[in-house]
Amino acid sequence: MQKKKATISDVKQVVNRYQGCRIKLEAHKSKKKLYHKEGTIEGVYPSIFTVMVDNEKKPSQRLSFSYSDVLTRSVKINLVENGVEDATAFAF
């Protein structure tokens, strides 16, 4: 039996459900570089969503990602609740 393939609308629904929640994300900056950030899902829009990143050294930073970034796994998101990471919420 085949597992149902996720679609962009599935990703949108999950991101919308966790709007305002704390997350940790891992994103590809270039071919060989990754960056890890922690922040809050701030805005959910038709084509993108925004994350307000907490920085100790600089003022807060807002990053935007497309839903296809999550679907293709170029951005990995883990939900953070009470200091504990949950990778199952965004498992596609």
C-alpha atoms as a PDB file:
ATOM      1  CA  MET A   1       0.000   0.000   0.000  1.00  0.00           C
ATOM      2  CA  GLN A   2       1.413   3.379  -1.012  1.00  0.00           C
ATOM      3  CA  LYS A   3       1.674   6.301   1.330  1.00  0.00           C
ATOM      4  CA  LYS A   4      -0.287   9.374   0.224  1.00  0.00           C
ATOM      5  CA  LYS A   5       2.014  11.991  -1.242  1.00  0.00           C
ATOM      6  CA  ALA A   6       1.912  15.399   0.376  1.00  0.00           C
ATOM      7  CA  THR A   7       0.890  18.422  -1.657  1.00  0.00           C
ATOM      8  CA  ILE A   8       1.541  22.122  -1.253  1.00  0.00           C
ATOM      9  CA  SER A   9      -1.962  22.569   0.178  1.00  0.00           C
ATOM     10  CA  ASP A  10      -1.119  19.975   2.862  1.00  0.00           C
ATOM     11  CA  VAL A  11       1.976  21.985   3.791  1.00  0.00           C
ATOM     12  CA  LYS A  12      -0.063  25.219   3.870  1.00  0.00           C
ATOM     13  CA  GLN A  13      -2.593  23.663   6.255  1.00  0.00           C
ATOM     14  CA  VAL A  14       0.104  22.478   8.666  1.00  0.00           C
ATOM     15  CA  VAL A  15       1.969  25.801   8.603  1.00  0.00           C
ATOM     16  CA  ASN A  16      -1.314  27.663   9.160  1.00  0.00           C
ATOM     17  CA  ARG A  17      -2.179  25.371  12.083  1.00  0.00           C
ATOM     18  CA  TYR A  18       1.117  26.210  13.815  1.00  0.00           C
ATOM     19  CA  GLN A  19       1.111  29.960  13.110  1.00  0.00           C
ATOM     20  CA  GLY A  20       2.395  31.757  16.205  1.00  0.00           C
ATOM     21  CA  CYS A  21       4.235  28.671  17.477  1.00  0.00           C
ATOM     22  CA  ARG A  22       7.971  28.398  18.129  1.00  0.00           C
ATOM     23  CA  ILE A  23       9.994  26.390  15.635  1.00  0.00           C
ATOM     24  CA  LYS A  24      13.563  25.401  14.864  1.00  0.00           C
ATOM     25  CA  LEU A  25      14.452  25.379  11.208  1.00  0.00           C
ATOM     26  CA  GLU A  26      17.317  24.113   9.124  1.00  0.00           C
ATOM     27  CA  ALA A  27      17.685  25.669   5.686  1.00  0.00           C
ATOM     28  CA  HIS A  28      20.133  25.306   2.844  1.00  0.00           C
ATOM     29  CA  LYS A  29      21.969  28.571   2.334  1.00  0.00           C
ATOM     30  CA  SER A  30      23.978  27.247  -0.590  1.00  0.00           C
ATOM     31  CA  LYS A  31      25.028  23.872  -1.933  1.00  0.00           C
ATOM     32  CA  LYS A  32      27.271  23.002   1.012  1.00  0.00           C
ATOM     33  CA  LYS A  33      26.098  25.393   3.729  1.00  0.00           C
ATOM     34  CA  LEU A  34      23.226  25.022   6.156  1.00  0.00           C
ATOM     35  CA  TYR A  35      21.980  27.455   8.720  1.00  0.00           C
ATOM     36  CA  HIS A  36      19.996  26.717  11.848  1.00  0.00           C
ATOM     37  CA  LYS A  37      17.586  29.282  13.273  1.00  0.00           C
ATOM     38  CA  GLU A  38      14.925  29.395  15.955  1.00  0.00           C
ATOM     39  CA  GLY A  39      11.882  31.621  15.769  1.00  0.00           C
ATOM     40  CA  THR A  40       8.118  31.937  15.434  1.00  0.00           C
ATOM     41  CA  ILE A  41       5.890  31.391  12.408  1.00  0.00           C
ATOM     42  CA  GLU A  42       4.604  34.919  11.984  1.00  0.00           C
ATOM     43  CA  GLY A  43       2.662  35.231   8.746  1.00  0.00           C
ATOM     44  CA  VAL A  44       0.958  32.772   6.427  1.00  0.00           C
ATOM     45  CA  TYR A  45       0.315  33.971   2.883  1.00  0.00           C
ATOM     46  CA  PRO A  46      -0.882  32.287  -0.349  1.00  0.00           C
ATOM     47  CA  SER A  47       2.620  31.538  -1.681  1.00  0.00           C
ATOM     48  CA  ILE A  48       4.973  32.000   1.274  1.00  0.00           C
ATOM     49  CA  PHE A  49       5.156  32.038   5.054  1.00  0.00           C
ATOM     50  CA  THR A  50       7.348  34.200   7.261  1.00  0.00           C
ATOM     51  CA  VAL A  51       9.352  33.330  10.351  1.00  0.00           C
ATOM     52  CA  MET A  52      10.492  35.921  12.908  1.00  0.00           C
ATOM     53  CA  VAL A  53      13.946  34.727  13.963  1.00  0.00           C
ATOM     54  CA  ASP A  54      15.386  35.434  17.382  1.00  0.00           C
ATOM     55  CA  ASN A  55      18.929  36.824  17.259  1.00  0.00           C
ATOM     56  CA  GLU A  56      21.023  37.526  20.321  1.00  0.00           C
ATOM     57  CA  LYS A  57      23.520  39.750  18.524  1.00  0.00           C
ATOM     58  CA  LYS A  58      21.294  41.547  16.010  1.00  0.00           C
ATOM     59  CA  PRO A  59      17.724  42.826  16.045  1.00  0.00           C
ATOM     60  CA  SER A  60      15.054  40.285  15.133  1.00  0.00           C
ATOM     61  CA  GLN A  61      15.139  39.081  11.554  1.00  0.00           C
ATOM     62  CA  ARG A  62      12.211  38.069   9.347  1.00  0.00           C
ATOM     63  CA  LEU A  63      12.792  35.233   6.872  1.00  0.00           C
ATOM     64  CA  SER A  64      10.383  34.022   4.214  1.00  0.00           C
ATOM     65  CA  PHE A  65      10.045  30.550   2.741  1.00  0.00           C
ATOM     66  CA  SER A  66       7.822  29.005   0.122  1.00  0.00           C
ATOM     67  CA  TYR A  67       5.700  25.960   0.871  1.00  0.00           C
ATOM     68  CA  SER A  68       7.580  24.075  -1.832  1.00  0.00           C
ATOM     69  CA  ASP A  69      10.801  24.619   0.183  1.00  0.00           C
ATOM     70  CA  VAL A  70       9.268  22.521   2.964  1.00  0.00           C
ATOM     71  CA  LEU A  71       7.823  19.978   0.546  1.00  0.00           C
ATOM     72  CA  THR A  72      11.182  19.449  -1.208  1.00  0.00           C
ATOM     73  CA  ARG A  73      12.993  19.396   2.150  1.00  0.00           C
ATOM     74  CA  SER A  74      15.306  22.324   1.416  1.00  0.00           C
ATOM     75  CA  VAL A  75      13.845  23.705   4.659  1.00  0.00           C
ATOM     76  CA  LYS A  76      13.283  21.374   7.600  1.00  0.00           C
ATOM     77  CA  ILE A  77      11.057  22.542  10.439  1.00  0.00           C
ATOM     78  CA  ASN A  78      10.728  21.162  13.964  1.00  0.00           C
ATOM     79  CA  LEU A  79       8.041  22.387  16.337  1.00  0.00           C
ATOM     80  CA  VAL A  80       9.350  23.460  19.771  1.00  0.00           C
ATOM     81  CA  GLU A  81       6.987  23.055  22.722  1.00  0.00           C
ATOM     82  CA  ASN A  82       8.206  23.693  26.266  1.00  0.00           C
ATOM     83  CA  GLY A  83      11.822  23.404  25.107  1.00  0.00           C
ATOM     84  CA  VAL A  84      11.236  19.985  23.496  1.00  0.00           C
ATOM     85  CA  GLU A  85      11.508  19.531  19.722  1.00  0.00           C
ATOM     86  CA  ASP A  86       8.814  17.640  17.829  1.00  0.00           C
ATOM     87  CA  ALA A  87       9.837  16.649  14.305  1.00  0.00           C
ATOM     88  CA  THR A  88       6.596  14.808  13.519  1.00  0.00           C
ATOM     89  CA  ALA A  89       4.418  17.897  13.015  1.00  0.00           C
ATOM     90  CA  PHE A  90       6.170  18.855   9.769  1.00  0.00           C
ATOM     91  CA  ALA A  91       7.025  15.360   8.521  1.00  0.00           C
ATOM     92  CA  PHE A  92       6.189  15.173   4.817  1.00  0.00           C
END
